[in-house]
Amino acid sequence: MDRTTVFAEERSRLLRMAGRILGDSHEAQDVVQNAWLRMQSVEGEIYNLPGWLTTATTRLCLDRLRGRIPVIDVDADGGGSTPDASEQVALAETVGVALQILLDRLTPNERVAFVLHESFGFDFATIAEILGRTPAATRKLASRARSKIDQPRTRPTDTDPLPDWKVVDAFLVAAREGDFHRLLALLAPAVVVEGDPAAIALGTPQRIEGAEQVARFFNGAATTAFPVFVGDRPGAAWILLGEPKVVFDFIIDQGMILRIDFRAGAGLLAQVQRREGKDR
């Protein structure tokens, strides 16, 4: 099978993978196109084209992550040669974006080591090949990442607030994918959900209290909710046939969701605008 045919078959998978790693569909398209161009420039036979494309795409994603995060990525016991990408095994199809908020606290290498090992069960030898590190150094990366993620997020520093749009988007992803623990991590312990009379008439609950109860309500739900602006604030809305029916109005403080109001008044619905891509 020729390279063009293989790439065409793999392209949608590569886009999903890059999109989830980067959290940006436009960047994902650029990365996958660059992987295609690199593949075309390789002379000689590539014996595992899907594996080669996946590895090349992952490394291009790493380059993007390193370019966007203002930290010095110094990894203990780093080093080792980068193996020929054609010899790599294929990575998992997706890197879950449900961890996106916590992963932003990590360096790019920590991020990949943690996700591939903790979420997908890759052994450290395989991850080390992808990162160009030794297995021992890769194990330390994953351990360091776990320590950072386990730190409480209830009191982020003034220099580390999470943008409200990012909290809303992560909440929607976690709800759709049924990631109960991620939902809990985004909700304040005393979070409250309330519906106004118009929303209740459409079937929303009147009131839910507490992070666990709210997480259970949204777990596996919000499949028809989309990111929107509510006035000038990022929020979400249940949209039917192109028209917003119920607004999810969030109150967020320092990266934690304190309150969600279901609102369906005509005046508020008129203010709703779809929020696409990185238009925050």
C-alpha atoms as a PDB file:
ATOM      1  CA  MET A   1       0.000   0.000   0.000  1.00  0.00           C
ATOM      2  CA  ASP A   2       1.480   3.377  -0.961  1.00  0.00           C
ATOM      3  CA  ARG A   3       2.125   6.231   1.443  1.00  0.00           C
ATOM      4  CA  THR A   4      -0.681   8.445   0.170  1.00  0.00           C
ATOM      5  CA  THR A   5      -3.261   5.736   0.753  1.00  0.00           C
ATOM      6  CA  VAL A   6      -1.970   4.971   4.250  1.00  0.00           C
ATOM      7  CA  PHE A   7      -1.938   8.660   5.187  1.00  0.00           C
ATOM      8  CA  ALA A   8      -5.509   9.096   3.942  1.00  0.00           C
ATOM      9  CA  GLU A   9      -6.604   6.169   6.125  1.00  0.00           C
ATOM     10  CA  GLU A  10      -4.711   7.443   9.174  1.00  0.00           C
ATOM     11  CA  ARG A  11      -5.456  11.166   8.840  1.00  0.00           C
ATOM     12  CA  SER A  12      -8.640  11.321  10.917  1.00  0.00           C
ATOM     13  CA  ARG A  13      -7.005   9.352  13.736  1.00  0.00           C
ATOM     14  CA  LEU A  14      -3.942  11.585  13.679  1.00  0.00           C
ATOM     15  CA  LEU A  15      -6.145  14.696  13.787  1.00  0.00           C
ATOM     16  CA  ARG A  16      -8.017  13.361  16.811  1.00  0.00           C
ATOM     17  CA  MET A  17      -4.795  12.526  18.578  1.00  0.00           C
ATOM     18  CA  ALA A  18      -3.121  15.871  17.857  1.00  0.00           C
ATOM     19  CA  GLY A  19      -6.289  17.775  18.688  1.00  0.00           C
ATOM     20  CA  ARG A  20      -6.538  16.139  22.086  1.00  0.00           C
ATOM     21  CA  ILE A  21      -2.874  16.601  22.913  1.00  0.00           C
ATOM     22  CA  LEU A  22      -2.861  20.260  21.901  1.00  0.00           C
ATOM     23  CA  GLY A  23      -6.433  21.210  22.689  1.00  0.00           C
ATOM     24  CA  ASP A  24      -6.636  23.125  19.418  1.00  0.00           C
ATOM     25  CA  SER A  25      -8.074  21.738  16.181  1.00  0.00           C
ATOM     26  CA  HIS A  26      -6.348  24.344  13.999  1.00  0.00           C
ATOM     27  CA  GLU A  27      -2.916  23.513  15.402  1.00  0.00           C
ATOM     28  CA  ALA A  28      -3.735  19.827  15.001  1.00  0.00           C
ATOM     29  CA  GLN A  29      -4.346  20.291  11.286  1.00  0.00           C
ATOM     30  CA  ASP A  30      -1.004  22.076  10.904  1.00  0.00           C
ATOM     31  CA  VAL A  31       0.813  19.337  12.791  1.00  0.00           C
ATOM     32  CA  VAL A  32      -0.708  16.507  10.769  1.00  0.00           C
ATOM     33  CA  GLN A  33       0.062  18.322   7.515  1.00  0.00           C
ATOM     34  CA  ASN A  34       3.686  18.735   8.644  1.00  0.00           C
ATOM     35  CA  ALA A  35       3.838  15.024   9.482  1.00  0.00           C
ATOM     36  CA  TRP A  36       2.627  14.279   5.949  1.00  0.00           C
ATOM     37  CA  LEU A  37       5.326  16.529   4.446  1.00  0.00           C
ATOM     38  CA  ARG A  38       8.009  14.873   6.564  1.00  0.00           C
ATOM     39  CA  MET A  39       6.839  11.431   5.502  1.00  0.00           C
ATOM     40  CA  GLN A  40       7.000  12.454   1.849  1.00  0.00           C
ATOM     41  CA  SER A  41      10.586  13.634   2.293  1.00  0.00           C
ATOM     42  CA  VAL A  42      11.817  10.345   3.772  1.00  0.00           C
ATOM     43  CA  GLU A  43      13.851   8.335   1.298  1.00  0.00           C
ATOM     44  CA  GLY A  44      13.645   4.578   1.351  1.00  0.00           C
ATOM     45  CA  GLU A  45      10.997   2.302   2.775  1.00  0.00           C
ATOM     46  CA  ILE A  46       9.128   2.991   6.003  1.00  0.00           C
ATOM     47  CA  TYR A  47       8.114  -0.385   7.360  1.00  0.00           C
ATOM     48  CA  ASN A  48       5.460   0.764   9.839  1.00  0.00           C
ATOM     49  CA  LEU A  49       3.748   3.773   8.272  1.00  0.00           C
ATOM     50  CA  PRO A  50       0.966   4.137  10.890  1.00  0.00           C
ATOM     51  CA  GLY A  51       3.547   3.954  13.686  1.00  0.00           C
ATOM     52  CA  TRP A  52       5.842   6.370  11.893  1.00  0.00           C
ATOM     53  CA  LEU A  53       3.039   8.887  11.356  1.00  0.00           C
ATOM     54  CA  THR A  54       1.835   8.607  14.934  1.00  0.00           C
ATOM     55  CA  THR A  55       5.308   9.098  16.360  1.00  0.00           C
ATOM     56  CA  ALA A  56       6.071  11.993  14.031  1.00  0.00           C
ATOM     57  CA  THR A  57       2.767  13.657  14.914  1.00  0.00           C
ATOM     58  CA  THR A  58       3.370  13.199  18.647  1.00  0.00           C
ATOM     59  CA  ARG A  59       6.818  14.754  18.426  1.00  0.00           C
ATOM     60  CA  LEU A  60       5.497  17.694  16.429  1.00  0.00           C
ATOM     61  CA  CYS A  61       2.868  18.174  19.135  1.00  0.00           C
ATOM     62  CA  LEU A  62       5.641  18.171  21.724  1.00  0.00           C
ATOM     63  CA  ASP A  63       7.428  20.897  19.779  1.00  0.00           C
ATOM     64  CA  ARG A  64       4.238  22.983  19.853  1.00  0.00           C
ATOM     65  CA  LEU A  65       3.788  22.423  23.581  1.00  0.00           C
ATOM     66  CA  ARG A  66       7.369  23.398  24.290  1.00  0.00           C
ATOM     67  CA  GLY A  67       6.910  26.539  22.251  1.00  0.00           C
ATOM     68  CA  ARG A  68       3.791  27.665  24.104  1.00  0.00           C
ATOM     69  CA  ILE A  69       4.767  26.915  27.721  1.00  0.00           C
ATOM     70  CA  PRO A  70       7.199  29.434  29.290  1.00  0.00           C
ATOM     71  CA  VAL A  71       9.198  26.987  31.375  1.00  0.00           C
ATOM     72  CA  ILE A  72      12.638  25.457  31.120  1.00  0.00           C
ATOM     73  CA  ASP A  73      12.209  21.772  30.411  1.00  0.00           C
ATOM     74  CA  VAL A  74      15.159  20.279  32.287  1.00  0.00           C
ATOM     75  CA  ASP A  75      14.715  16.563  32.893  1.00  0.00           C
ATOM     76  CA  ALA A  76      16.823  14.604  35.333  1.00  0.00           C
ATOM     77  CA  ASP A  77      19.050  11.962  33.768  1.00  0.00           C
ATOM     78  CA  GLY A  78      18.059  13.229  30.344  1.00  0.00           C
ATOM     79  CA  GLY A  79      19.895  12.221  27.251  1.00  0.00           C
ATOM     80  CA  GLY A  80      20.064   9.278  24.973  1.00  0.00           C
ATOM     81  CA  SER A  81      19.776   9.192  21.243  1.00  0.00           C
ATOM     82  CA  THR A  82      16.507   9.634  19.414  1.00  0.00           C
ATOM     83  CA  PRO A  83      15.620   6.361  17.667  1.00  0.00           C
ATOM     84  CA  ASP A  84      14.492   6.048  14.073  1.00  0.00           C
ATOM     85  CA  ALA A  85      10.797   6.889  14.083  1.00  0.00           C
ATOM     86  CA  SER A  86      10.053   4.054  11.658  1.00  0.00           C
ATOM     87  CA  GLU A  87      10.968   1.594  14.407  1.00  0.00           C
ATOM     88  CA  GLN A  88       8.427   2.978  16.912  1.00  0.00           C
ATOM     89  CA  VAL A  89       5.265   1.198  17.861  1.00  0.00           C
ATOM     90  CA  ALA A  90       2.024   3.117  17.249  1.00  0.00           C
ATOM     91  CA  LEU A  91       0.838   5.242  20.165  1.00  0.00           C
ATOM     92  CA  ALA A  92      -2.689   5.262  21.536  1.00  0.00           C
ATOM     93  CA  GLU A  93      -5.249   6.970  19.309  1.00  0.00           C
ATOM     94  CA  THR A  94      -6.082   9.621  21.840  1.00  0.00           C
ATOM     95  CA  VAL A  95      -4.587  11.498  24.744  1.00  0.00           C
ATOM     96  CA  GLY A  96      -7.493  12.447  26.942  1.00  0.00           C
ATOM     97  CA  VAL A  97      -8.250  16.116  27.181  1.00  0.00           C
ATOM     98  CA  ALA A  98     -10.223  15.520  30.304  1.00  0.00           C
ATOM     99  CA  LEU A  99      -6.919  16.026  32.110  1.00  0.00           C
ATOM    100  CA  GLN A 100      -6.232  19.217  30.191  1.00  0.00           C
ATOM    101  CA  ILE A 101      -6.456  21.609  33.125  1.00  0.00           C
ATOM    102  CA  LEU A 102      -4.083  19.627  35.355  1.00  0.00           C
ATOM    103  CA  LEU A 103      -1.758  18.793  32.477  1.00  0.00           C
ATOM    104  CA  ASP A 104      -1.160  22.484  31.891  1.00  0.00           C
ATOM    105  CA  ARG A 105       0.830  22.470  35.122  1.00  0.00           C
ATOM    106  CA  LEU A 106       3.389  20.084  33.627  1.00  0.00           C
ATOM    107  CA  THR A 107       6.325  20.485  31.295  1.00  0.00           C
ATOM    108  CA  PRO A 108       5.724  18.940  27.857  1.00  0.00           C
ATOM    109  CA  ASN A 109       7.809  15.844  28.628  1.00  0.00           C
ATOM    110  CA  GLU A 110       6.147  15.381  32.020  1.00  0.00           C
ATOM    111  CA  ARG A 111       2.785  15.731  30.334  1.00  0.00           C
ATOM    112  CA  VAL A 112       3.425  13.025  27.747  1.00  0.00           C
ATOM    113  CA  ALA A 113       5.090  10.656  30.229  1.00  0.00           C
ATOM    114  CA  PHE A 114       2.235  10.987  32.702  1.00  0.00           C
ATOM    115  CA  VAL A 115      -0.618  10.597  30.213  1.00  0.00           C
ATOM    116  CA  LEU A 116       0.871   7.719  28.259  1.00  0.00           C
ATOM    117  CA  HIS A 117       1.812   5.782  31.401  1.00  0.00           C
ATOM    118  CA  GLU A 118      -1.011   6.613  33.823  1.00  0.00           C
ATOM    119  CA  SER A 119      -3.906   6.831  31.379  1.00  0.00           C
ATOM    120  CA  PHE A 120      -2.918   4.351  28.670  1.00  0.00           C
ATOM    121  CA  GLY A 121      -0.550   1.942  30.394  1.00  0.00           C
ATOM    122  CA  PHE A 122       2.482   2.446  28.139  1.00  0.00           C
ATOM    123  CA  ASP A 123       5.686   1.047  29.617  1.00  0.00           C
ATOM    124  CA  PHE A 124       8.531   3.443  30.355  1.00  0.00           C
ATOM    125  CA  ALA A 125      10.793   1.902  27.714  1.00  0.00           C
ATOM    126  CA  THR A 126       8.315   2.775  24.950  1.00  0.00           C
ATOM    127  CA  ILE A 127       7.725   6.294  26.276  1.00  0.00           C
ATOM    128  CA  ALA A 128      11.480   6.772  26.602  1.00  0.00           C
ATOM    129  CA  GLU A 129      11.902   5.999  22.905  1.00  0.00           C
ATOM    130  CA  ILE A 130       9.297   8.586  21.973  1.00  0.00           C
ATOM    131  CA  LEU A 131      10.841  11.267  24.184  1.00  0.00           C
ATOM    132  CA  GLY A 132      14.471  10.407  23.474  1.00  0.00           C
ATOM    133  CA  ARG A 133      15.113   9.768  27.189  1.00  0.00           C
ATOM    134  CA  THR A 134      16.306   6.822  29.215  1.00  0.00           C
ATOM    135  CA  PRO A 135      13.643   4.638  30.876  1.00  0.00           C
ATOM    136  CA  ALA A 136      14.907   5.737  34.302  1.00  0.00           C
ATOM    137  CA  ALA A 137      14.588   9.418  33.374  1.00  0.00           C
ATOM    138  CA  THR A 138      11.125   8.802  31.939  1.00  0.00           C
ATOM    139  CA  ARG A 139      10.030   7.104  35.152  1.00  0.00           C
ATOM    140  CA  LYS A 140      11.171  10.193  37.071  1.00  0.00           C
ATOM    141  CA  LEU A 141       9.222  12.427  34.689  1.00  0.00           C
ATOM    142  CA  ALA A 142       6.027  10.487  35.368  1.00  0.00           C
ATOM    143  CA  SER A 143       6.667  10.509  39.115  1.00  0.00           C
ATOM    144  CA  ARG A 144       7.305  14.259  39.102  1.00  0.00           C
ATOM    145  CA  ALA A 145       4.135  14.807  37.090  1.00  0.00           C
ATOM    146  CA  ARG A 146       2.098  12.731  39.525  1.00  0.00           C
ATOM    147  CA  SER A 147       3.424  14.817  42.431  1.00  0.00           C
ATOM    148  CA  LYS A 148       2.426  18.065  40.720  1.00  0.00           C
ATOM    149  CA  ILE A 149      -1.029  16.816  39.806  1.00  0.00           C
ATOM    150  CA  ASP A 150      -1.657  15.532  43.315  1.00  0.00           C
ATOM    151  CA  GLN A 151      -1.063  19.012  44.764  1.00  0.00           C
ATOM    152  CA  PRO A 152      -4.370  20.627  45.767  1.00  0.00           C
ATOM    153  CA  ARG A 153      -5.823  23.149  43.343  1.00  0.00           C
ATOM    154  CA  THR A 154      -8.162  24.882  45.760  1.00  0.00           C
ATOM    155  CA  ARG A 155      -5.747  27.763  46.269  1.00  0.00           C
ATOM    156  CA  PRO A 156      -3.915  28.545  43.050  1.00  0.00           C
ATOM    157  CA  THR A 157      -1.419  31.360  43.154  1.00  0.00           C
ATOM    158  CA  ASP A 158      -2.152  34.772  41.714  1.00  0.00           C
ATOM    159  CA  THR A 159       0.172  33.938  38.832  1.00  0.00           C
ATOM    160  CA  ASP A 160      -1.599  30.659  38.080  1.00  0.00           C
ATOM    161  CA  PRO A 161      -5.314  31.369  37.695  1.00  0.00           C
ATOM    162  CA  LEU A 162      -7.166  29.244  35.170  1.00  0.00           C
ATOM    163  CA  PRO A 163      -9.008  31.251  32.498  1.00  0.00           C
ATOM    164  CA  ASP A 164     -12.758  30.912  32.907  1.00  0.00           C
ATOM    165  CA  TRP A 165     -13.232  29.751  29.301  1.00  0.00           C
ATOM    166  CA  LYS A 166     -10.800  26.926  29.912  1.00  0.00           C
ATOM    167  CA  VAL A 167     -12.645  25.783  33.025  1.00  0.00           C
ATOM    168  CA  VAL A 168     -15.961  25.792  31.152  1.00  0.00           C
ATOM    169  CA  ASP A 169     -14.531  23.879  28.195  1.00  0.00           C
ATOM    170  CA  ALA A 170     -12.831  21.306  30.429  1.00  0.00           C
ATOM    171  CA  PHE A 171     -16.080  20.852  32.339  1.00  0.00           C
ATOM    172  CA  LEU A 172     -18.024  20.203  29.128  1.00  0.00           C
ATOM    173  CA  VAL A 173     -15.432  17.683  27.912  1.00  0.00           C
ATOM    174  CA  ALA A 174     -15.415  15.858  31.254  1.00  0.00           C
ATOM    175  CA  ALA A 175     -19.230  15.767  31.291  1.00  0.00           C
ATOM    176  CA  ARG A 176     -19.485  14.374  27.758  1.00  0.00           C
ATOM    177  CA  GLU A 177     -16.778  11.775  28.318  1.00  0.00           C
ATOM    178  CA  GLY A 178     -18.147  10.671  31.687  1.00  0.00           C
ATOM    179  CA  ASP A 179     -14.981  11.600  33.588  1.00  0.00           C
ATOM    180  CA  PHE A 180     -16.424  11.803  37.092  1.00  0.00           C
ATOM    181  CA  HIS A 181     -13.111  12.506  38.827  1.00  0.00           C
ATOM    182  CA  ARG A 182     -12.302  15.353  36.438  1.00  0.00           C
ATOM    183  CA  LEU A 183     -15.706  16.890  37.111  1.00  0.00           C
ATOM    184  CA  LEU A 184     -15.074  16.716  40.846  1.00  0.00           C
ATOM    185  CA  ALA A 185     -11.696  18.404  40.401  1.00  0.00           C
ATOM    186  CA  LEU A 186     -13.326  21.358  38.649  1.00  0.00           C
ATOM    187  CA  LEU A 187     -16.161  21.846  41.137  1.00  0.00           C
ATOM    188  CA  ALA A 188     -15.909  23.697  44.434  1.00  0.00           C
ATOM    189  CA  PRO A 189     -17.041  21.508  47.354  1.00  0.00           C
ATOM    190  CA  ALA A 190     -20.093  23.687  48.028  1.00  0.00           C
ATOM    191  CA  VAL A 191     -21.037  24.224  44.365  1.00  0.00           C
ATOM    192  CA  VAL A 192     -24.710  24.904  43.682  1.00  0.00           C
ATOM    193  CA  VAL A 193     -26.753  24.336  40.526  1.00  0.00           C
ATOM    194  CA  GLU A 194     -30.090  26.120  40.198  1.00  0.00           C
ATOM    195  CA  GLY A 195     -32.649  26.521  37.455  1.00  0.00           C
ATOM    196  CA  ASP A 196     -34.811  29.560  36.834  1.00  0.00           C
ATOM    197  CA  PRO A 197     -38.557  28.977  36.240  1.00  0.00           C
ATOM    198  CA  ALA A 198     -38.191  29.006  32.453  1.00  0.00           C
ATOM    199  CA  ALA A 199     -35.368  26.442  32.545  1.00  0.00           C
ATOM    200  CA  ILE A 200     -37.192  24.232  35.040  1.00  0.00           C
ATOM    201  CA  ALA A 201     -40.190  24.211  32.715  1.00  0.00           C
ATOM    202  CA  LEU A 202     -37.892  22.767  30.047  1.00  0.00           C
ATOM    203  CA  GLY A 203     -36.750  19.972  32.369  1.00  0.00           C
ATOM    204  CA  THR A 204     -33.702  21.240  34.264  1.00  0.00           C
ATOM    205  CA  PRO A 205     -33.425  20.520  37.991  1.00  0.00           C
ATOM    206  CA  GLN A 206     -34.544  23.191  40.415  1.00  0.00           C
ATOM    207  CA  ARG A 207     -31.516  22.887  42.706  1.00  0.00           C
ATOM    208  CA  ILE A 208     -28.538  20.561  43.269  1.00  0.00           C
ATOM    209  CA  GLU A 209     -26.006  21.103  46.052  1.00  0.00           C
ATOM    210  CA  GLY A 210     -22.509  19.748  46.612  1.00  0.00           C
ATOM    211  CA  ALA A 211     -19.711  18.706  44.266  1.00  0.00           C
ATOM    212  CA  GLU A 212     -20.501  14.988  44.285  1.00  0.00           C
ATOM    213  CA  GLN A 213     -24.181  15.435  43.496  1.00  0.00           C
ATOM    214  CA  VAL A 214     -23.458  17.997  40.764  1.00  0.00           C
ATOM    215  CA  ALA A 215     -20.774  15.763  39.236  1.00  0.00           C
ATOM    216  CA  ARG A 216     -23.183  12.809  39.219  1.00  0.00           C
ATOM    217  CA  PHE A 217     -25.828  14.895  37.475  1.00  0.00           C
ATOM    218  CA  PHE A 218     -23.471  16.037  34.697  1.00  0.00           C
ATOM    219  CA  ASN A 219     -21.488  12.794  34.389  1.00  0.00           C
ATOM    220  CA  GLY A 220     -22.017  11.527  30.833  1.00  0.00           C
ATOM    221  CA  ALA A 221     -24.348  14.431  30.050  1.00  0.00           C
ATOM    222  CA  ALA A 222     -24.057  17.800  28.232  1.00  0.00           C
ATOM    223  CA  THR A 223     -23.723  16.111  24.854  1.00  0.00           C
ATOM    224  CA  THR A 224     -25.820  18.839  23.225  1.00  0.00           C
ATOM    225  CA  ALA A 225     -24.228  21.733  25.153  1.00  0.00           C
ATOM    226  CA  PHE A 226     -21.872  24.040  23.294  1.00  0.00           C
ATOM    227  CA  PRO A 227     -19.422  26.759  24.385  1.00  0.00           C
ATOM    228  CA  VAL A 228     -20.964  30.223  24.174  1.00  0.00           C
ATOM    229  CA  PHE A 229     -20.580  33.751  25.370  1.00  0.00           C
ATOM    230  CA  VAL A 230     -23.253  34.846  27.828  1.00  0.00           C
ATOM    231  CA  GLY A 231     -22.900  38.561  27.300  1.00  0.00           C
ATOM    232  CA  ASP A 232     -19.147  38.910  27.710  1.00  0.00           C
ATOM    233  CA  ARG A 233     -18.687  35.838  29.921  1.00  0.00           C
ATOM    234  CA  PRO A 234     -17.751  32.341  28.755  1.00  0.00           C
ATOM    235  CA  GLY A 235     -20.475  29.823  29.383  1.00  0.00           C
ATOM    236  CA  ALA A 236     -22.381  27.036  27.675  1.00  0.00           C
ATOM    237  CA  ALA A 237     -25.816  26.509  26.221  1.00  0.00           C
ATOM    238  CA  TRP A 238     -28.134  23.716  25.176  1.00  0.00           C
ATOM    239  CA  ILE A 239     -28.675  24.455  21.494  1.00  0.00           C
ATOM    240  CA  LEU A 240     -31.458  22.871  19.448  1.00  0.00           C
ATOM    241  CA  LEU A 241     -31.748  23.412  15.678  1.00  0.00           C
ATOM    242  CA  GLY A 242     -29.322  26.296  15.909  1.00  0.00           C
ATOM    243  CA  GLU A 243     -31.223  28.109  18.662  1.00  0.00           C
ATOM    244  CA  PRO A 244     -30.097  28.333  22.322  1.00  0.00           C
ATOM    245  CA  LYS A 245     -32.749  26.918  24.628  1.00  0.00           C
ATOM    246  CA  VAL A 246     -31.059  26.894  28.045  1.00  0.00           C
ATOM    247  CA  VAL A 247     -27.939  28.777  29.146  1.00  0.00           C
ATOM    248  CA  PHE A 248     -25.442  27.242  31.574  1.00  0.00           C
ATOM    249  CA  ASP A 249     -24.309  30.389  33.398  1.00  0.00           C
ATOM    250  CA  PHE A 250     -21.095  29.702  35.341  1.00  0.00           C
ATOM    251  CA  ILE A 251     -19.653  31.523  38.334  1.00  0.00           C
ATOM    252  CA  ILE A 252     -15.956  30.671  38.533  1.00  0.00           C
ATOM    253  CA  ASP A 253     -13.292  31.818  40.968  1.00  0.00           C
ATOM    254  CA  GLN A 254      -9.592  30.967  40.618  1.00  0.00           C
ATOM    255  CA  GLY A 255     -10.270  27.996  38.378  1.00  0.00           C
ATOM    256  CA  MET A 256     -13.047  26.465  40.489  1.00  0.00           C
ATOM    257  CA  ILE A 257     -16.737  26.372  39.566  1.00  0.00           C
ATOM    258  CA  LEU A 258     -18.760  27.864  42.422  1.00  0.00           C
ATOM    259  CA  ARG A 259     -22.177  27.923  40.796  1.00  0.00           C
ATOM    260  CA  ILE A 260     -24.040  26.979  37.607  1.00  0.00           C
ATOM    261  CA  ASP A 261     -27.390  28.576  36.824  1.00  0.00           C
ATOM    262  CA  PHE A 262     -29.709  27.109  34.194  1.00  0.00           C
ATOM    263  CA  ARG A 263     -31.366  30.149  32.635  1.00  0.00           C
ATOM    264  CA  ALA A 264     -33.886  30.235  29.821  1.00  0.00           C
ATOM    265  CA  GLY A 265     -35.298  33.765  29.858  1.00  0.00           C
ATOM    266  CA  ALA A 266     -35.795  35.249  26.407  1.00  0.00           C
ATOM    267  CA  GLY A 267     -33.760  38.352  27.234  1.00  0.00           C
ATOM    268  CA  LEU A 268     -30.719  36.321  28.257  1.00  0.00           C
ATOM    269  CA  LEU A 269     -30.992  33.895  25.345  1.00  0.00           C
ATOM    270  CA  ALA A 270     -30.832  36.870  22.991  1.00  0.00           C
ATOM    271  CA  GLN A 271     -27.349  37.671  24.341  1.00  0.00           C
ATOM    272  CA  VAL A 272     -25.936  34.217  23.621  1.00  0.00           C
ATOM    273  CA  GLN A 273     -23.242  33.909  20.958  1.00  0.00           C
ATOM    274  CA  ARG A 274     -21.503  30.701  19.916  1.00  0.00           C
ATOM    275  CA  ARG A 275     -17.888  30.540  20.974  1.00  0.00           C
ATOM    276  CA  GLU A 276     -15.691  28.692  18.478  1.00  0.00           C
ATOM    277  CA  GLY A 277     -12.030  27.594  18.577  1.00  0.00           C
ATOM    278  CA  LYS A 278      -9.828  29.998  20.492  1.00  0.00           C
ATOM    279  CA  ASP A 279     -12.258  32.944  20.335  1.00  0.00           C
ATOM    280  CA  ARG A 280     -12.516  33.559  24.041  1.00  0.00           C
END
